[in-house]
Amino acid sequence: MTETALNMELRATGEGEFSLSGELTFASVPSLWRKAKYPFPDTHGISLDLGGVIHSDSAGLALMVEWLRESNMRGATLAFQNIPTQMLSLARTAGIDAFFDT
């Protein structure tokens, strides 16, 4: 499974493992959202590697929060790996960094 939207790509890398790369911005997030509001299969454990994210703004952070919410509603856990410093700074500013288990 690979979803590409503008300068962003979500790729399955293994069983329940995914990587996201590119830019998570107001320009790219809506396109991915329209293609796949929740792109993960029904599984209990999902790992999302964000190490390939080169730029993120609050739209990228909002997408991660929405995927967390949707995972919780489905009874799944979503764990983020290699969270970019920029995204963590935004999460701290918003007071939601606890959701990212840093």
C-alpha atoms as a PDB file:
ATOM      1  CA  MET A   1       0.000   0.000   0.000  1.00  0.00           C
ATOM      2  CA  THR A   2       1.406   3.355  -1.013  1.00  0.00           C
ATOM      3  CA  GLU A   3      -0.488   6.632  -0.895  1.00  0.00           C
ATOM      4  CA  THR A   4       1.147   9.677  -2.456  1.00  0.00           C
ATOM      5  CA  ALA A   5      -0.152  13.207  -2.085  1.00  0.00           C
ATOM      6  CA  LEU A   6       1.800  16.149  -3.447  1.00  0.00           C
ATOM      7  CA  ASN A   7       5.139  16.008  -1.603  1.00  0.00           C
ATOM      8  CA  MET A   8       4.154  13.279   0.857  1.00  0.00           C
ATOM      9  CA  GLU A   9       4.172   9.480   0.735  1.00  0.00           C
ATOM     10  CA  LEU A  10       2.731   6.882   3.104  1.00  0.00           C
ATOM     11  CA  ARG A  11       4.167   3.408   2.597  1.00  0.00           C
ATOM     12  CA  ALA A  12       3.588   0.022   4.232  1.00  0.00           C
ATOM     13  CA  THR A  13       6.968  -1.329   5.352  1.00  0.00           C
ATOM     14  CA  GLY A  14       5.872  -4.498   7.138  1.00  0.00           C
ATOM     15  CA  GLU A  15       3.054  -6.086   9.120  1.00  0.00           C
ATOM     16  CA  GLY A  16       1.430  -3.136  10.916  1.00  0.00           C
ATOM     17  CA  GLU A  17       4.423  -0.931  10.081  1.00  0.00           C
ATOM     18  CA  PHE A  18       4.301   2.198   7.957  1.00  0.00           C
ATOM     19  CA  SER A  19       6.531   5.112   7.053  1.00  0.00           C
ATOM     20  CA  LEU A  20       5.548   8.636   6.145  1.00  0.00           C
ATOM     21  CA  SER A  21       7.899  10.872   4.203  1.00  0.00           C
ATOM     22  CA  GLY A  22       7.904  14.287   2.631  1.00  0.00           C
ATOM     23  CA  GLU A  23       6.076  17.410   3.740  1.00  0.00           C
ATOM     24  CA  LEU A  24       3.084  17.407   6.110  1.00  0.00           C
ATOM     25  CA  THR A  25       1.671  20.848   5.410  1.00  0.00           C
ATOM     26  CA  PHE A  26      -1.532  22.709   4.671  1.00  0.00           C
ATOM     27  CA  ALA A  27      -0.754  22.059   0.992  1.00  0.00           C
ATOM     28  CA  SER A  28      -0.264  18.278   1.225  1.00  0.00           C
ATOM     29  CA  VAL A  29      -2.437  17.025   4.106  1.00  0.00           C
ATOM     30  CA  PRO A  30      -5.868  17.689   2.504  1.00  0.00           C
ATOM     31  CA  SER A  31      -4.974  15.608  -0.552  1.00  0.00           C
ATOM     32  CA  LEU A  32      -3.940  12.602   1.556  1.00  0.00           C
ATOM     33  CA  TRP A  33      -7.002  13.059   3.778  1.00  0.00           C
ATOM     34  CA  ARG A  34      -9.307  12.896   0.747  1.00  0.00           C
ATOM     35  CA  LYS A  35      -7.585   9.736  -0.527  1.00  0.00           C
ATOM     36  CA  ALA A  36      -7.471   7.859   2.773  1.00  0.00           C
ATOM     37  CA  LYS A  37      -8.967   9.287   5.947  1.00  0.00           C
ATOM     38  CA  TYR A  38      -7.633   6.291   7.880  1.00  0.00           C
ATOM     39  CA  PRO A  39      -5.069   4.455   5.757  1.00  0.00           C
ATOM     40  CA  PHE A  40      -4.206   1.654   8.170  1.00  0.00           C
ATOM     41  CA  PRO A  41      -5.664  -1.864   8.077  1.00  0.00           C
ATOM     42  CA  ASP A  42      -7.740  -3.158  10.957  1.00  0.00           C
ATOM     43  CA  THR A  43      -5.017  -4.323  13.295  1.00  0.00           C
ATOM     44  CA  HIS A  44      -4.351  -3.792  16.982  1.00  0.00           C
ATOM     45  CA  GLY A  45      -0.856  -2.380  16.717  1.00  0.00           C
ATOM     46  CA  ILE A  46       0.363   0.171  14.205  1.00  0.00           C
ATOM     47  CA  SER A  47       3.827   1.711  14.070  1.00  0.00           C
ATOM     48  CA  LEU A  48       4.288   4.867  12.005  1.00  0.00           C
ATOM     49  CA  ASP A  49       7.848   6.019  11.286  1.00  0.00           C
ATOM     50  CA  LEU A  50       7.944   9.781  10.759  1.00  0.00           C
ATOM     51  CA  GLY A  51      11.703   9.936  10.182  1.00  0.00           C
ATOM     52  CA  GLY A  52      11.223  10.829   6.521  1.00  0.00           C
ATOM     53  CA  VAL A  53       9.074  13.888   7.251  1.00  0.00           C
ATOM     54  CA  ILE A  54      11.175  16.882   6.203  1.00  0.00           C
ATOM     55  CA  HIS A  55       8.692  19.624   7.115  1.00  0.00           C
ATOM     56  CA  SER A  56       5.504  19.758   9.163  1.00  0.00           C
ATOM     57  CA  ASP A  57       3.132  22.502  10.168  1.00  0.00           C
ATOM     58  CA  SER A  58      -0.004  22.395  12.310  1.00  0.00           C
ATOM     59  CA  ALA A  59      -1.917  20.580   9.542  1.00  0.00           C
ATOM     60  CA  GLY A  60       0.533  17.677   9.819  1.00  0.00           C
ATOM     61  CA  LEU A  61       0.147  17.641  13.584  1.00  0.00           C
ATOM     62  CA  ALA A  62      -3.648  17.693  13.236  1.00  0.00           C
ATOM     63  CA  LEU A  63      -3.478  14.704  10.873  1.00  0.00           C
ATOM     64  CA  MET A  64      -1.447  12.710  13.410  1.00  0.00           C
ATOM     65  CA  VAL A  65      -3.941  13.573  16.165  1.00  0.00           C
ATOM     66  CA  GLU A  66      -6.844  12.515  13.925  1.00  0.00           C
ATOM     67  CA  TRP A  67      -5.162   9.198  13.126  1.00  0.00           C
ATOM     68  CA  LEU A  68      -4.611   8.661  16.867  1.00  0.00           C
ATOM     69  CA  ARG A  69      -8.284   9.384  17.539  1.00  0.00           C
ATOM     70  CA  GLU A  70      -9.426   7.044  14.791  1.00  0.00           C
ATOM     71  CA  SER A  71      -7.076   4.305  16.029  1.00  0.00           C
ATOM     72  CA  ASN A  72      -8.480   4.611  19.539  1.00  0.00           C
ATOM     73  CA  MET A  73     -12.040   4.383  18.196  1.00  0.00           C
ATOM     74  CA  ARG A  74     -11.076   1.152  16.394  1.00  0.00           C
ATOM     75  CA  GLY A  75      -9.455  -0.322  19.500  1.00  0.00           C
ATOM     76  CA  ALA A  76      -5.978  -0.084  17.998  1.00  0.00           C
ATOM     77  CA  THR A  77      -2.785   1.537  19.193  1.00  0.00           C
ATOM     78  CA  LEU A  78      -0.814   3.877  16.977  1.00  0.00           C
ATOM     79  CA  ALA A  79       2.801   4.460  17.974  1.00  0.00           C
ATOM     80  CA  PHE A  80       4.929   7.129  16.337  1.00  0.00           C
ATOM     81  CA  GLN A  81       8.633   6.552  15.698  1.00  0.00           C
ATOM     82  CA  ASN A  82      11.319   9.127  14.838  1.00  0.00           C
ATOM     83  CA  ILE A  83       9.060  12.135  15.392  1.00  0.00           C
ATOM     84  CA  PRO A  84      10.585  15.248  13.795  1.00  0.00           C
ATOM     85  CA  THR A  85      11.722  17.956  16.209  1.00  0.00           C
ATOM     86  CA  GLN A  86       9.505  20.498  14.451  1.00  0.00           C
ATOM     87  CA  MET A  87       6.396  18.374  15.025  1.00  0.00           C
ATOM     88  CA  LEU A  88       7.302  17.789  18.682  1.00  0.00           C
ATOM     89  CA  SER A  89       7.737  21.533  19.178  1.00  0.00           C
ATOM     90  CA  LEU A  90       4.279  22.165  17.732  1.00  0.00           C
ATOM     91  CA  ALA A  91       2.813  19.440  19.948  1.00  0.00           C
ATOM     92  CA  ARG A  92       4.450  20.941  23.055  1.00  0.00           C
ATOM     93  CA  THR A  93       3.160  24.401  22.165  1.00  0.00           C
ATOM     94  CA  ALA A  94      -0.346  22.959  21.762  1.00  0.00           C
ATOM     95  CA  GLY A  95      -0.008  21.022  25.028  1.00  0.00           C
ATOM     96  CA  ILE A  96      -0.531  17.642  23.363  1.00  0.00           C
ATOM     97  CA  ASP A  97       3.003  16.237  23.371  1.00  0.00           C
ATOM     98  CA  ALA A  98       1.892  13.494  25.798  1.00  0.00           C
ATOM     99  CA  PHE A  99       0.017  11.878  22.891  1.00  0.00           C
ATOM    100  CA  PHE A 100       3.347  11.260  21.195  1.00  0.00           C
ATOM    101  CA  ASP A 101       5.029   9.332  24.064  1.00  0.00           C
ATOM    102  CA  THR A 102       8.372  11.088  23.847  1.00  0.00           C
END
